[in-house]
Amino acid sequence: YFNQLKSHLEKQLQPVYFISGDEPFQQDESVRLIREAAKSQGYTEREVHHVDRSFDWDELVHSAGSMSLFAERKVIELRIPTGKPGDKGSKALVAYTSQLPEDNLLLIVSGKLDASQTKSKWFKALDAAGATLAVWPLEIQELPAWLKGRMQVRGLQPTEDALTVLAEQVEGNLLAADQELEKLRMIYGEGPINAEQVLDAVSDSARFDAFALVDVALQGDAVRVSRILHGLKAEGEDVLHVLGALMYQLRMLEKMANAVSKGQNLEQVFKQHRIWDKRKVVLNAGLKRHGLKRWQAFLLVAGRIERMCKGLATGKPWDELLQLTLRIAGVALFPLTAEQIATR
């Protein structure tokens, strides 16, 4: 698990690490921790290879067999966005693990794996030779505890209300959350933090905020949706960060809609998800506008946009994101069938 990685690295460094998942902050943190641990143990050289269709797997063999000019230990990083090395790559990885180079550490970073990939021969070989770690987006009920731990490391002592407010603001975007925590530390210094202080700090954020976009869409304000999204793009905001904020809420809304469709009381659903009172009005508007199947379709579209951002599908992410948020707001520029969602 991600929260056990640091203590693991303090005890023993494995010759192989495989980090997979679709939560970028935890993935980047994992890679950083492994790099730092490796460097502290003499792995001062690093090679990075990006695996795509044109990648020559002989490069891994060559890199593993080549000696540094200064005979230094080396970290070999493979970036595999799809998590699919192909036949040649599968054989190369299995061969690598069968004869592990003494002075090399292999670090592989990939996208989320499906069940068939985790049962593959190459994955099992990597798992047996070292350590594998899958990172997942945090559930809404897990976020306050995560925030509390990160705040305590910075010397901040949050109240329960402060954690609730902060969790509502960042909506599962861990990168945005970490940035907010650093801002709180810079503004208030070490010590207690209450909900009012969090709200004051958040109100100083940039005018075009990614999370405001989600709320505006749920409220059905199509004009503001368009204005905020164009503002985010103009300010150079990473489209993946904006999409991440949206996907987090879409997952939550899909779960809520599913519970309601099974006859569960909406107020009870809000309680289960620890929804702040002021937030209930916004979420209620979205749940009334769209049913379960629509939220499921929105998630499929968001997944397609994510693949565009990573170069795994064709299209213009910002344009598609605008169309999706407008649909959430209740404005359909054109109908979109389930088949189109899967194939566009």
Protein backbone atom coordinates (compact mmCIF):
# COMPACT_ATOMS: atom_id res chain seq x y z
CA TYR A 1 0.00 0.00 0.00
CA PHE A 2 1.07 3.59 -0.68
CA ASN A 3 0.98 4.56 3.00
CA GLN A 4 3.39 1.72 3.82
CA LEU A 5 5.93 2.51 1.11
CA LYS A 6 8.10 4.89 3.12
CA SER A 7 8.57 2.45 6.01
CA HIS A 8 9.24 -0.36 3.53
CA LEU A 9 11.98 1.63 1.81
CA GLU A 10 13.64 2.39 5.15
CA LYS A 11 14.02 -1.35 5.77
CA GLN A 12 15.02 -2.82 2.41
CA LEU A 13 15.35 -1.75 -1.21
CA GLN A 14 14.06 -4.20 -3.81
CA PRO A 15 15.75 -4.68 -7.22
CA VAL A 16 12.42 -4.14 -9.03
CA TYR A 17 9.49 -1.80 -8.39
CA PHE A 18 6.30 -1.64 -10.44
CA ILE A 19 4.00 1.33 -9.73
CA SER A 20 0.60 1.32 -11.46
CA GLY A 21 -2.63 3.27 -11.12
CA ASP A 22 -4.67 6.29 -12.15
CA GLU A 23 -4.00 8.65 -9.23
CA PRO A 24 -1.10 10.88 -10.37
CA PHE A 25 -0.16 12.47 -7.03
CA GLN A 26 0.38 9.19 -5.16
CA GLN A 27 2.12 7.72 -8.18
CA ASP A 28 4.54 10.66 -8.41
CA GLU A 29 5.12 10.53 -4.65
CA SER A 30 5.90 6.80 -4.86
CA VAL A 31 8.40 7.35 -7.65
CA ARG A 32 10.05 10.20 -5.74
CA LEU A 33 10.39 8.13 -2.57
CA ILE A 34 11.93 5.20 -4.46
CA ARG A 35 14.37 7.49 -6.28
CA GLU A 36 15.45 9.10 -3.01
CA ALA A 37 15.89 5.74 -1.28
CA ALA A 38 17.89 4.44 -4.23
CA LYS A 39 20.12 7.52 -4.28
CA SER A 40 20.84 7.16 -0.58
CA GLN A 41 22.08 3.64 -1.28
CA GLY A 42 24.43 4.60 -4.08
CA TYR A 43 22.19 4.50 -7.15
CA THR A 44 23.44 7.83 -8.44
CA GLU A 45 22.80 7.29 -12.15
CA ARG A 46 19.32 7.25 -13.74
CA GLU A 47 18.03 6.34 -17.19
CA VAL A 48 14.45 6.97 -18.30
CA HIS A 49 12.80 5.14 -21.21
CA HIS A 50 9.30 5.95 -22.51
CA VAL A 51 7.65 2.82 -23.87
CA ASP A 52 5.42 3.29 -26.92
CA ARG A 53 4.86 1.33 -30.12
CA SER A 54 8.25 2.34 -31.49
CA PHE A 55 10.19 1.42 -28.34
CA ASP A 56 12.99 -1.09 -28.87
CA TRP A 57 13.08 -3.51 -25.95
CA ASP A 58 16.69 -4.26 -26.73
CA GLU A 59 17.35 -0.90 -25.03
CA LEU A 60 16.43 -2.51 -21.72
CA VAL A 61 18.86 -5.35 -22.34
CA HIS A 62 21.59 -2.91 -23.37
CA SER A 63 20.94 -0.61 -20.42
CA ALA A 64 20.98 -3.49 -17.96
CA GLY A 65 24.23 -4.83 -19.35
CA SER A 66 26.12 -1.57 -19.81
CA MET A 67 28.50 -0.37 -17.11
CA SER A 68 28.71 3.24 -16.03
CA LEU A 69 31.97 5.05 -16.78
CA PHE A 70 32.42 5.49 -13.04
CA ALA A 71 30.98 2.06 -12.14
CA GLU A 72 28.02 3.68 -10.36
CA ARG A 73 24.81 1.89 -9.47
CA LYS A 74 21.93 2.78 -11.76
CA VAL A 75 18.14 3.22 -11.70
CA ILE A 76 16.44 2.22 -14.96
CA GLU A 77 12.98 3.77 -15.30
CA LEU A 78 10.43 2.47 -17.78
CA ARG A 79 7.30 4.56 -18.41
CA ILE A 80 4.50 2.38 -19.81
CA PRO A 81 1.28 4.50 -19.89
CA THR A 82 -0.90 1.66 -21.21
CA GLY A 83 0.51 -1.00 -18.88
CA LYS A 84 0.85 -3.24 -21.95
CA PRO A 85 4.46 -4.11 -22.86
CA GLY A 86 3.43 -6.33 -25.78
CA ASP A 87 4.87 -9.76 -26.61
CA LYS A 88 8.47 -8.63 -27.02
CA GLY A 89 8.29 -6.46 -23.92
CA SER A 90 6.74 -9.26 -21.89
CA LYS A 91 9.58 -11.59 -22.81
CA ALA A 92 12.17 -8.89 -22.10
CA LEU A 93 10.76 -8.24 -18.62
CA VAL A 94 10.63 -11.94 -17.77
CA ALA A 95 14.21 -12.35 -19.02
CA TYR A 96 15.35 -9.36 -16.97
CA THR A 97 13.89 -10.78 -13.76
CA SER A 98 15.48 -14.18 -14.38
CA GLN A 99 18.96 -12.63 -14.25
CA LEU A 100 18.76 -9.47 -12.16
CA PRO A 101 21.75 -7.16 -12.72
CA GLU A 102 23.53 -6.64 -9.42
CA ASP A 103 23.99 -2.87 -9.67
CA ASN A 104 20.67 -1.92 -11.30
CA LEU A 105 17.28 -1.04 -9.89
CA LEU A 106 14.36 -1.33 -12.32
CA LEU A 107 11.49 1.11 -11.70
CA ILE A 108 8.42 0.72 -13.93
CA VAL A 109 5.58 3.26 -13.91
CA SER A 110 2.34 2.44 -15.71
CA GLY A 111 -1.31 3.32 -15.96
CA LYS A 112 -4.02 1.34 -14.22
CA LEU A 113 -3.89 -2.41 -14.88
CA ASP A 114 -6.88 -4.65 -15.48
CA ALA A 115 -7.32 -8.13 -14.01
CA SER A 116 -5.85 -9.91 -17.04
CA GLN A 117 -2.67 -7.83 -16.86
CA THR A 118 -2.10 -8.63 -13.19
CA LYS A 119 -2.41 -12.33 -14.05
CA SER A 120 0.12 -12.14 -16.89
CA LYS A 121 3.46 -13.95 -16.78
CA TRP A 122 5.46 -10.71 -16.98
CA PHE A 123 3.59 -9.08 -14.08
CA LYS A 124 3.97 -12.16 -11.88
CA ALA A 125 7.70 -12.23 -12.70
CA LEU A 126 8.10 -8.58 -11.66
CA ASP A 127 6.08 -9.15 -8.49
CA ALA A 128 8.21 -12.15 -7.55
CA ALA A 129 11.46 -10.31 -8.25
CA GLY A 130 10.60 -7.15 -6.32
CA ALA A 131 7.56 -5.17 -5.23
CA THR A 132 4.39 -4.03 -7.00
CA LEU A 133 2.21 -1.14 -5.87
CA ALA A 134 -1.17 -0.03 -7.22
CA VAL A 135 -2.33 3.49 -6.34
CA TRP A 136 -6.03 4.36 -6.40
CA PRO A 137 -8.03 7.58 -6.06
CA LEU A 138 -9.07 8.07 -2.44
CA GLU A 139 -12.69 7.53 -1.51
CA ILE A 140 -14.36 10.61 -0.05
CA GLN A 141 -14.48 9.04 3.42
CA GLU A 142 -10.72 8.40 3.28
CA LEU A 143 -9.78 11.96 2.40
CA PRO A 144 -10.03 13.61 5.87
CA ALA A 145 -7.63 11.08 7.40
CA TRP A 146 -5.21 11.56 4.50
CA LEU A 147 -5.39 15.33 4.90
CA LYS A 148 -4.84 15.07 8.65
CA GLY A 149 -1.70 12.99 8.17
CA ARG A 150 -0.26 15.41 5.60
CA MET A 151 -1.08 18.40 7.81
CA GLN A 152 0.52 16.88 10.88
CA VAL A 153 3.76 16.34 8.95
CA ARG A 154 3.74 20.10 8.28
CA GLY A 155 3.12 20.90 11.95
CA LEU A 156 -0.55 21.81 11.41
CA GLN A 157 -3.20 20.70 13.90
CA PRO A 158 -6.59 20.76 12.12
CA THR A 159 -9.99 20.61 13.79
CA GLU A 160 -12.52 18.08 12.47
CA ASP A 161 -14.49 20.93 10.86
CA ALA A 162 -11.34 22.17 9.14
CA LEU A 163 -10.75 18.71 7.66
CA THR A 164 -14.37 18.50 6.45
CA VAL A 165 -14.21 21.91 4.79
CA LEU A 166 -10.85 21.19 3.18
CA ALA A 167 -12.02 17.80 1.91
CA GLU A 168 -15.02 19.49 0.29
CA GLN A 169 -12.79 22.06 -1.41
CA VAL A 170 -10.22 19.69 -2.93
CA GLU A 171 -12.67 16.89 -3.89
CA GLY A 172 -10.08 14.15 -4.13
CA ASN A 173 -7.52 16.09 -6.18
CA LEU A 174 -4.51 15.22 -4.03
CA LEU A 175 -2.15 17.54 -5.86
CA ALA A 176 -4.50 20.48 -5.26
CA ALA A 177 -4.89 19.32 -1.65
CA ASP A 178 -1.15 19.25 -1.07
CA GLN A 179 -0.83 22.74 -2.54
CA GLU A 180 -3.59 24.02 -0.23
CA LEU A 181 -1.85 22.50 2.79
CA GLU A 182 1.40 24.21 1.91
CA LYS A 183 -0.48 27.49 1.51
CA LEU A 184 -2.06 27.06 4.95
CA ARG A 185 1.37 26.46 6.47
CA MET A 186 2.78 29.55 4.79
CA ILE A 187 -0.15 31.76 5.88
CA TYR A 188 -0.64 30.59 9.45
CA GLY A 189 2.58 28.77 10.35
CA GLU A 190 2.61 25.69 12.55
CA GLY A 191 -0.19 25.16 15.06
CA PRO A 192 -3.99 24.75 15.21
CA ILE A 193 -6.10 25.30 12.07
CA ASN A 194 -9.89 25.75 12.15
CA ALA A 195 -12.59 25.79 9.46
CA GLU A 196 -12.72 29.59 9.25
CA GLN A 197 -8.99 29.77 8.54
CA VAL A 198 -9.35 27.17 5.79
CA LEU A 199 -12.21 29.10 4.17
CA ASP A 200 -10.27 32.37 4.35
CA ALA A 201 -7.24 30.76 2.70
CA VAL A 202 -9.29 29.06 0.00
CA SER A 203 -11.08 32.32 -0.83
CA ASP A 204 -7.69 33.73 -1.85
CA SER A 205 -7.29 31.07 -4.56
CA ALA A 206 -7.20 31.88 -8.25
CA ARG A 207 -10.43 33.27 -9.70
CA PHE A 208 -10.92 30.41 -12.09
CA ASP A 209 -10.79 27.41 -9.79
CA ALA A 210 -11.11 23.85 -11.12
CA PHE A 211 -13.45 22.80 -8.33
CA ALA A 212 -15.73 25.80 -8.78
CA LEU A 213 -16.26 24.49 -12.32
CA VAL A 214 -17.77 21.27 -10.99
CA ASP A 215 -20.17 23.06 -8.65
CA VAL A 216 -21.28 25.48 -11.36
CA ALA A 217 -21.97 22.58 -13.71
CA LEU A 218 -24.02 20.80 -11.04
CA GLN A 219 -26.01 24.00 -10.48
CA GLY A 220 -26.86 24.08 -14.20
CA ASP A 221 -25.17 27.42 -14.99
CA ALA A 222 -23.95 26.75 -18.55
CA VAL A 223 -22.72 30.31 -19.15
CA ARG A 224 -20.42 30.23 -16.12
CA VAL A 225 -19.27 26.70 -16.98
CA SER A 226 -18.01 27.95 -20.34
CA ARG A 227 -16.42 31.07 -18.85
CA ILE A 228 -14.63 29.24 -16.04
CA LEU A 229 -13.34 26.48 -18.30
CA HIS A 230 -11.98 28.97 -20.83
CA GLY A 231 -10.39 30.89 -17.95
CA LEU A 232 -8.68 27.77 -16.63
CA LYS A 233 -7.32 27.00 -20.08
CA ALA A 234 -6.11 30.59 -20.58
CA GLU A 235 -4.31 30.52 -17.22
CA GLY A 236 -2.39 27.42 -18.27
CA GLU A 237 -4.11 25.03 -15.88
CA ASP A 238 -3.30 21.36 -16.57
CA VAL A 239 -6.36 19.80 -18.21
CA LEU A 240 -5.68 16.57 -16.27
CA HIS A 241 -6.02 18.43 -12.97
CA VAL A 242 -9.35 19.90 -14.04
CA LEU A 243 -10.52 16.51 -15.28
CA GLY A 244 -9.37 14.89 -12.04
CA ALA A 245 -11.57 17.21 -9.98
CA LEU A 246 -14.51 16.38 -12.23
CA MET A 247 -13.93 12.61 -12.26
CA TYR A 248 -13.73 12.47 -8.48
CA GLN A 249 -17.18 14.03 -8.18
CA LEU A 250 -18.59 11.95 -11.02
CA ARG A 251 -17.55 8.75 -9.21
CA MET A 252 -19.20 10.01 -6.03
CA LEU A 253 -22.38 11.10 -7.82
CA GLU A 254 -22.61 7.77 -9.64
CA LYS A 255 -22.43 5.96 -6.30
CA MET A 256 -25.06 8.27 -4.82
CA ALA A 257 -27.37 7.86 -7.81
CA ASN A 258 -26.95 4.09 -7.58
CA ALA A 259 -27.92 4.12 -3.90
CA VAL A 260 -30.96 6.32 -4.60
CA SER A 261 -32.04 4.06 -7.48
CA LYS A 262 -32.09 1.17 -4.99
CA GLY A 263 -34.48 3.08 -2.73
CA GLN A 264 -32.04 4.57 -0.24
CA ASN A 265 -32.97 7.91 1.33
CA LEU A 266 -30.93 10.79 -0.12
CA GLU A 267 -30.23 12.34 3.28
CA GLN A 268 -28.82 9.01 4.45
CA VAL A 269 -26.68 8.83 1.32
CA PHE A 270 -25.30 12.30 2.05
CA LYS A 271 -24.50 11.21 5.60
CA GLN A 272 -22.63 8.12 4.38
CA HIS A 273 -20.48 10.30 2.12
CA ARG A 274 -19.92 12.93 4.83
CA ILE A 275 -21.39 15.74 2.73
CA TRP A 276 -21.21 19.19 4.28
CA ASP A 277 -24.64 20.89 4.67
CA LYS A 278 -23.92 23.72 2.22
CA ARG A 279 -22.81 21.16 -0.35
CA LYS A 280 -25.99 19.13 -0.23
CA VAL A 281 -27.92 21.75 -2.22
CA VAL A 282 -25.41 21.61 -5.07
CA LEU A 283 -25.26 17.81 -5.21
CA ASN A 284 -29.02 17.51 -4.90
CA ALA A 285 -29.48 19.71 -7.98
CA GLY A 286 -27.20 17.45 -10.00
CA LEU A 287 -28.84 14.25 -8.80
CA LYS A 288 -32.29 15.58 -9.66
CA ARG A 289 -31.18 16.60 -13.15
CA HIS A 290 -29.61 13.25 -14.08
CA GLY A 291 -30.32 9.62 -13.25
CA LEU A 292 -27.92 6.72 -12.67
CA LYS A 293 -27.45 5.78 -16.34
CA ARG A 294 -26.55 9.37 -17.23
CA TRP A 295 -23.89 9.55 -14.49
CA GLN A 296 -22.46 6.26 -15.70
CA ALA A 297 -22.31 7.66 -19.24
CA PHE A 298 -20.59 10.83 -17.98
CA LEU A 299 -17.91 8.67 -16.33
CA LEU A 300 -17.30 6.84 -19.61
CA VAL A 301 -16.89 10.14 -21.44
CA ALA A 302 -14.50 11.41 -18.75
CA GLY A 303 -12.44 8.25 -19.10
CA ARG A 304 -12.23 8.85 -22.84
CA ILE A 305 -11.00 12.42 -22.24
CA GLU A 306 -8.38 11.11 -19.82
CA ARG A 307 -7.06 8.80 -22.53
CA MET A 308 -6.87 11.79 -24.89
CA CYS A 309 -4.78 13.67 -22.32
CA LYS A 310 -2.37 10.73 -22.15
CA GLY A 311 -2.13 10.39 -25.92
CA LEU A 312 -4.01 7.09 -25.95
CA ALA A 313 -7.01 8.42 -27.91
CA THR A 314 -7.55 11.09 -30.54
CA GLY A 315 -9.40 14.32 -29.82
CA LYS A 316 -9.12 17.72 -28.18
CA PRO A 317 -9.37 17.30 -24.39
CA TRP A 318 -10.38 20.90 -23.60
CA ASP A 319 -13.16 20.87 -26.22
CA GLU A 320 -14.44 17.50 -25.04
CA LEU A 321 -14.29 18.64 -21.42
CA LEU A 322 -16.41 21.68 -22.27
CA GLN A 323 -19.02 19.48 -23.95
CA LEU A 324 -19.08 17.12 -20.97
CA THR A 325 -19.47 19.85 -18.34
CA LEU A 326 -22.20 21.51 -20.40
CA ARG A 327 -24.06 18.18 -20.51
CA ILE A 328 -23.76 17.95 -16.73
CA ALA A 329 -25.21 21.46 -16.58
CA GLY A 330 -28.12 20.23 -18.68
CA VAL A 331 -27.09 21.58 -22.09
CA ALA A 332 -26.54 18.88 -24.73
CA LEU A 333 -24.80 20.23 -27.84
CA PHE A 334 -25.58 16.94 -29.54
CA PRO A 335 -26.83 13.52 -28.37
CA LEU A 336 -24.20 10.98 -27.37
CA THR A 337 -24.96 7.27 -27.35
CA ALA A 338 -23.16 4.63 -25.30
CA GLU A 339 -21.62 3.26 -28.50
CA GLN A 340 -20.26 6.68 -29.43
CA ILE A 341 -18.81 7.12 -25.94
CA ALA A 342 -16.86 3.89 -26.30
CA THR A 343 -15.63 4.43 -29.85
CA ARG A 344 -15.18 8.16 -30.42
